[in-house]
Amino acid sequence: MFKRYLDPDFGRNSYYEVIAESDNFSILKRYTASVKEGRVNPMTHVKETSDKYVQESKVFYFVGDEKKLTELKLSTNAIVKVLEADESEAKDLKKFIKSNGLSVKEEDDLQKIVTYSRYN
């Protein structure tokens, strides 16, 4: 599912893929594309390879009513901070991640982590 938010880099509304969501925050992913120029022969000035599109993505989150997107570094500690877990919940969450072999860099695993934190 995609939702529209104000892009902090470009200052305009953009669409973001919703990775995980709860009442207090959302974890979103923005996709951008750019054109990588093909290689040009310096002697003949003839293009040897064609241009191609390169797709990039960044993960963001916003908390509460702020509606301000902040870039999210995909690490266990950053996710625990976003989930606003206290010390014992953070320990439990890290134990859950490690015991189930989850990675915060995988979208499916990130959804499992958010779901687990929401119901525990």
Protein backbone atom coordinates (compact mmCIF):
# COMPACT_ATOMS: atom_id res chain seq x y z
CA MET A 1 0.00 0.00 0.00
CA PHE A 2 1.24 3.49 -0.81
CA LYS A 3 0.41 6.74 0.99
CA ARG A 4 1.18 10.33 0.15
CA TYR A 5 3.46 12.41 2.41
CA LEU A 6 5.51 15.58 2.13
CA ASP A 7 8.98 14.61 0.93
CA PRO A 8 11.67 16.20 3.15
CA ASP A 9 14.31 16.11 0.39
CA PHE A 10 12.28 17.60 -2.45
CA GLY A 11 9.71 19.71 -0.57
CA ARG A 12 6.75 18.22 -2.45
CA ASN A 13 4.27 15.44 -1.90
CA SER A 14 5.48 11.99 -2.85
CA TYR A 15 4.15 8.49 -2.52
CA TYR A 16 5.68 6.13 0.02
CA GLU A 17 5.22 2.40 0.43
CA VAL A 18 3.95 1.53 3.91
CA ILE A 19 6.25 -1.16 5.34
CA ALA A 20 4.84 -1.29 8.87
CA GLU A 21 2.32 0.79 10.74
CA SER A 22 0.96 1.19 14.24
CA ASP A 23 -1.12 3.80 16.05
CA ASN A 24 1.93 5.93 16.91
CA PHE A 25 4.22 5.64 13.89
CA SER A 26 4.66 4.44 10.34
CA ILE A 27 7.70 3.00 8.64
CA LEU A 28 7.73 4.04 5.00
CA LYS A 29 9.88 3.41 1.94
CA ARG A 30 10.47 5.94 -0.82
CA TYR A 31 11.57 4.88 -4.27
CA THR A 32 13.43 7.19 -6.64
CA ALA A 33 14.83 6.59 -10.09
CA SER A 34 17.66 8.30 -11.89
CA VAL A 35 19.26 7.90 -15.29
CA LYS A 36 22.78 6.52 -15.42
CA GLU A 37 24.46 7.85 -18.52
CA GLY A 38 25.98 5.35 -20.90
CA ARG A 39 29.69 5.30 -21.62
CA VAL A 40 30.96 7.52 -24.44
CA ASN A 41 34.09 6.75 -26.43
CA PRO A 42 36.38 9.77 -25.89
CA MET A 43 38.00 9.43 -29.32
CA THR A 44 34.90 9.16 -31.49
CA HIS A 45 32.34 10.74 -29.12
CA VAL A 46 30.01 7.85 -29.92
CA LYS A 47 27.97 6.30 -27.16
CA GLU A 48 29.15 2.72 -26.55
CA THR A 49 26.52 1.71 -23.97
CA SER A 50 22.96 2.88 -23.61
CA ASP A 51 21.58 4.89 -20.72
CA LYS A 52 19.70 2.98 -18.05
CA TYR A 53 17.39 3.70 -15.15
CA VAL A 54 18.70 3.05 -11.66
CA GLN A 55 16.15 2.56 -8.88
CA GLU A 56 17.05 3.62 -5.34
CA SER A 57 15.09 3.43 -2.12
CA LYS A 58 15.26 5.04 1.32
CA VAL A 59 13.39 4.08 4.47
CA PHE A 60 11.70 6.78 6.55
CA TYR A 61 9.43 6.88 9.56
CA PHE A 62 7.23 9.38 11.27
CA VAL A 63 5.96 9.38 14.81
CA GLY A 64 2.63 10.66 16.15
CA ASP A 65 1.01 13.81 14.83
CA GLU A 66 4.23 15.46 13.68
CA LYS A 67 3.81 14.35 10.06
CA LYS A 68 7.54 14.99 9.69
CA LEU A 69 9.47 12.24 8.00
CA THR A 70 12.83 11.28 9.44
CA GLU A 71 15.25 8.96 7.69
CA LEU A 72 15.60 5.64 9.48
CA LYS A 73 18.87 3.76 9.67
CA LEU A 74 18.02 0.08 9.57
CA SER A 75 19.61 -1.23 12.75
CA THR A 76 18.16 -3.09 15.70
CA ASN A 77 18.79 -0.22 18.10
CA ALA A 78 17.15 2.31 15.76
CA ILE A 79 14.06 0.10 15.41
CA VAL A 80 13.83 -0.36 19.19
CA LYS A 81 14.03 3.42 19.58
CA VAL A 82 11.25 4.00 17.04
CA LEU A 83 9.10 1.39 18.77
CA GLU A 84 9.60 3.39 21.99
CA ALA A 85 10.36 0.30 24.02
CA ASP A 86 11.44 0.72 27.64
CA GLU A 87 14.50 -1.14 28.92
CA SER A 88 12.80 -4.49 29.63
CA GLU A 89 10.75 -4.35 26.41
CA ALA A 90 13.90 -3.53 24.44
CA LYS A 91 15.66 -6.59 25.90
CA ASP A 92 12.67 -8.77 25.09
CA LEU A 93 12.44 -7.36 21.55
CA LYS A 94 16.15 -7.91 20.87
CA LYS A 95 15.84 -11.46 22.22
CA PHE A 96 12.85 -12.06 19.90
CA ILE A 97 14.80 -10.77 16.90
CA LYS A 98 17.85 -12.89 17.66
CA SER A 99 16.01 -16.10 18.58
CA ASN A 100 13.91 -16.00 15.39
CA GLY A 101 16.84 -15.08 13.14
CA LEU A 102 15.14 -11.88 11.97
CA SER A 103 16.86 -9.02 10.18
CA VAL A 104 15.66 -5.43 10.43
CA LYS A 105 16.86 -4.92 6.86
CA GLU A 106 14.27 -7.36 5.49
CA GLU A 107 10.78 -5.89 5.05
CA ASP A 108 8.93 -9.07 6.03
CA ASP A 109 11.03 -9.42 9.18
CA LEU A 110 10.48 -5.75 10.01
CA GLN A 111 6.72 -6.29 9.82
CA LYS A 112 7.02 -9.29 12.19
CA ILE A 113 9.04 -7.20 14.66
CA VAL A 114 6.51 -4.36 14.66
CA THR A 115 3.61 -6.80 15.05
CA TYR A 116 5.39 -8.55 17.92
CA SER A 117 6.10 -5.25 19.71
CA ARG A 118 2.51 -4.09 19.25
CA TYR A 119 1.02 -7.16 20.94
CA ASN A 120 3.60 -7.67 23.71
